[in-house]
């Protein structure tokens, strides 16, 4: 498994203050609801995977969307998260701004 999670931030993510975690990348992070640390430069903060029920593919295909609350994101920002430790407790966070 790759030791990195990347995605481009959508307008909804930027407006609502979170970034989505794709279902096939959930294993990169600790279990849903478990707290982990994210280092952004000299700052370290706590985060956790959360979810909400969705029927965006219709009522016959209900599913969950997974996300991490994170303010200050802008549409088009390129998010890069790397594991710092193997125990899934510390990650580094970097944004490449959409210029």
C-alpha atoms as a PDB file:
ATOM      1  CA  UNK A   1       0.000   0.000   0.000  1.00  0.00           C
ATOM      2  CA  UNK A   2       1.199   3.468  -0.863  1.00  0.00           C
ATOM      3  CA  UNK A   3       2.217   5.588   2.127  1.00  0.00           C
ATOM      4  CA  UNK A   4       0.387   8.667   0.831  1.00  0.00           C
ATOM      5  CA  UNK A   5      -3.159   9.972   0.320  1.00  0.00           C
ATOM      6  CA  UNK A   6      -3.772  12.656  -2.299  1.00  0.00           C
ATOM      7  CA  UNK A   7      -6.839  14.389  -3.667  1.00  0.00           C
ATOM      8  CA  UNK A   8      -7.987  17.636  -5.224  1.00  0.00           C
ATOM      9  CA  UNK A   9     -10.449  19.528  -3.048  1.00  0.00           C
ATOM     10  CA  UNK A  10     -13.944  20.062  -4.471  1.00  0.00           C
ATOM     11  CA  UNK A  11     -16.014  23.209  -3.976  1.00  0.00           C
ATOM     12  CA  UNK A  12     -18.308  21.311  -1.568  1.00  0.00           C
ATOM     13  CA  UNK A  13     -15.359  20.147   0.548  1.00  0.00           C
ATOM     14  CA  UNK A  14     -13.948  23.688   0.676  1.00  0.00           C
ATOM     15  CA  UNK A  15     -17.308  25.246   1.596  1.00  0.00           C
ATOM     16  CA  UNK A  16     -18.159  22.638   4.248  1.00  0.00           C
ATOM     17  CA  UNK A  17     -14.670  22.447   5.809  1.00  0.00           C
ATOM     18  CA  UNK A  18     -13.694  18.822   5.249  1.00  0.00           C
ATOM     19  CA  UNK A  19     -11.912  16.520   2.835  1.00  0.00           C
ATOM     20  CA  UNK A  20     -13.326  13.223   1.630  1.00  0.00           C
ATOM     21  CA  UNK A  21     -11.580   9.917   2.182  1.00  0.00           C
ATOM     22  CA  UNK A  22     -12.305   7.500  -0.627  1.00  0.00           C
ATOM     23  CA  UNK A  23     -13.599   4.132   0.541  1.00  0.00           C
ATOM     24  CA  UNK A  24     -10.735   2.185  -1.043  1.00  0.00           C
ATOM     25  CA  UNK A  25      -8.250   4.363   0.931  1.00  0.00           C
ATOM     26  CA  UNK A  26      -9.874   3.976   4.367  1.00  0.00           C
ATOM     27  CA  UNK A  27      -7.226   1.457   5.423  1.00  0.00           C
ATOM     28  CA  UNK A  28      -4.588   4.215   5.062  1.00  0.00           C
ATOM     29  CA  UNK A  29      -6.107   5.894   8.130  1.00  0.00           C
ATOM     30  CA  UNK A  30      -7.040   4.608  11.609  1.00  0.00           C
ATOM     31  CA  UNK A  31     -10.536   3.166  12.069  1.00  0.00           C
ATOM     32  CA  UNK A  32     -13.496   5.500  11.778  1.00  0.00           C
ATOM     33  CA  UNK A  33     -13.880   7.520  14.971  1.00  0.00           C
ATOM     34  CA  UNK A  34     -10.318   6.893  16.194  1.00  0.00           C
ATOM     35  CA  UNK A  35      -8.292  10.031  16.821  1.00  0.00           C
ATOM     36  CA  UNK A  36      -4.935  10.540  15.106  1.00  0.00           C
ATOM     37  CA  UNK A  37      -2.451  13.431  14.891  1.00  0.00           C
ATOM     38  CA  UNK A  38      -1.820  15.504  11.794  1.00  0.00           C
ATOM     39  CA  UNK A  39       1.301  17.635  11.540  1.00  0.00           C
ATOM     40  CA  UNK A  40       1.063  20.720   9.334  1.00  0.00           C
ATOM     41  CA  UNK A  41       4.447  22.446   9.504  1.00  0.00           C
ATOM     42  CA  UNK A  42       5.196  23.161  13.176  1.00  0.00           C
ATOM     43  CA  UNK A  43       1.528  22.719  14.137  1.00  0.00           C
ATOM     44  CA  UNK A  44       0.037  19.417  15.223  1.00  0.00           C
ATOM     45  CA  UNK A  45      -3.695  18.835  15.604  1.00  0.00           C
ATOM     46  CA  UNK A  46      -6.054  15.939  16.261  1.00  0.00           C
ATOM     47  CA  UNK A  47      -8.326  14.561  13.535  1.00  0.00           C
ATOM     48  CA  UNK A  48     -10.591  11.576  12.956  1.00  0.00           C
ATOM     49  CA  UNK A  49     -12.444   9.822  10.164  1.00  0.00           C
ATOM     50  CA  UNK A  50     -16.187  10.467  10.260  1.00  0.00           C
ATOM     51  CA  UNK A  51     -18.996   9.420   7.940  1.00  0.00           C
ATOM     52  CA  UNK A  52     -22.480  10.359   6.803  1.00  0.00           C
ATOM     53  CA  UNK A  53     -25.227   8.383   5.113  1.00  0.00           C
ATOM     54  CA  UNK A  54     -25.838   9.246   1.459  1.00  0.00           C
ATOM     55  CA  UNK A  55     -28.154   8.287  -1.373  1.00  0.00           C
ATOM     56  CA  UNK A  56     -26.458  10.358  -4.094  1.00  0.00           C
ATOM     57  CA  UNK A  57     -26.616   7.304  -6.380  1.00  0.00           C
ATOM     58  CA  UNK A  58     -30.333   6.843  -5.664  1.00  0.00           C
ATOM     59  CA  UNK A  59     -32.350   5.362  -2.789  1.00  0.00           C
ATOM     60  CA  UNK A  60     -31.638   1.822  -3.994  1.00  0.00           C
ATOM     61  CA  UNK A  61     -27.874   2.373  -3.520  1.00  0.00           C
ATOM     62  CA  UNK A  62     -27.431   3.811  -0.021  1.00  0.00           C
ATOM     63  CA  UNK A  63     -23.855   4.134   1.181  1.00  0.00           C
ATOM     64  CA  UNK A  64     -21.534   6.131   3.435  1.00  0.00           C
ATOM     65  CA  UNK A  65     -19.190   8.996   2.603  1.00  0.00           C
ATOM     66  CA  UNK A  66     -16.064   9.243   4.782  1.00  0.00           C
ATOM     67  CA  UNK A  67     -14.367  12.531   5.636  1.00  0.00           C
ATOM     68  CA  UNK A  68     -12.032  14.445   7.943  1.00  0.00           C
ATOM     69  CA  UNK A  69     -13.028  17.913   9.166  1.00  0.00           C
ATOM     70  CA  UNK A  70     -10.427  20.459   8.055  1.00  0.00           C
ATOM     71  CA  UNK A  71     -10.972  24.181   7.650  1.00  0.00           C
ATOM     72  CA  UNK A  72      -9.088  26.508   5.342  1.00  0.00           C
ATOM     73  CA  UNK A  73      -9.265  24.389   2.193  1.00  0.00           C
ATOM     74  CA  UNK A  74      -9.997  25.988  -1.180  1.00  0.00           C
ATOM     75  CA  UNK A  75     -11.496  24.459  -4.302  1.00  0.00           C
ATOM     76  CA  UNK A  76      -8.734  22.952  -6.416  1.00  0.00           C
ATOM     77  CA  UNK A  77      -6.187  22.685  -3.590  1.00  0.00           C
ATOM     78  CA  UNK A  78      -4.112  19.524  -3.909  1.00  0.00           C
ATOM     79  CA  UNK A  79      -4.058  17.732  -0.557  1.00  0.00           C
ATOM     80  CA  UNK A  80      -1.109  15.461   0.274  1.00  0.00           C
ATOM     81  CA  UNK A  81      -1.115  13.373   3.458  1.00  0.00           C
ATOM     82  CA  UNK A  82       1.768  11.058   4.360  1.00  0.00           C
ATOM     83  CA  UNK A  83       2.175   8.587   7.191  1.00  0.00           C
ATOM     84  CA  UNK A  84       4.985   9.654   9.499  1.00  0.00           C
ATOM     85  CA  UNK A  85       4.804   6.570  11.710  1.00  0.00           C
ATOM     86  CA  UNK A  86       3.791   2.994  10.981  1.00  0.00           C
ATOM     87  CA  UNK A  87       1.317   2.815  13.863  1.00  0.00           C
ATOM     88  CA  UNK A  88      -1.187   5.102  12.065  1.00  0.00           C
ATOM     89  CA  UNK A  89      -1.015   7.761  14.764  1.00  0.00           C
ATOM     90  CA  UNK A  90       0.948  10.574  13.065  1.00  0.00           C
ATOM     91  CA  UNK A  91       0.503  11.975   9.569  1.00  0.00           C
ATOM     92  CA  UNK A  92       1.938  14.999   7.775  1.00  0.00           C
ATOM     93  CA  UNK A  93      -0.378  17.334   5.898  1.00  0.00           C
ATOM     94  CA  UNK A  94       0.534  19.565   2.969  1.00  0.00           C
ATOM     95  CA  UNK A  95      -1.476  21.661   0.521  1.00  0.00           C
ATOM     96  CA  UNK A  96      -0.378  22.628  -2.951  1.00  0.00           C
ATOM     97  CA  UNK A  97      -2.566  25.637  -3.648  1.00  0.00           C
ATOM     98  CA  UNK A  98      -4.517  25.931  -6.848  1.00  0.00           C
ATOM     99  CA  UNK A  99      -2.952  28.969  -8.507  1.00  0.00           C
END
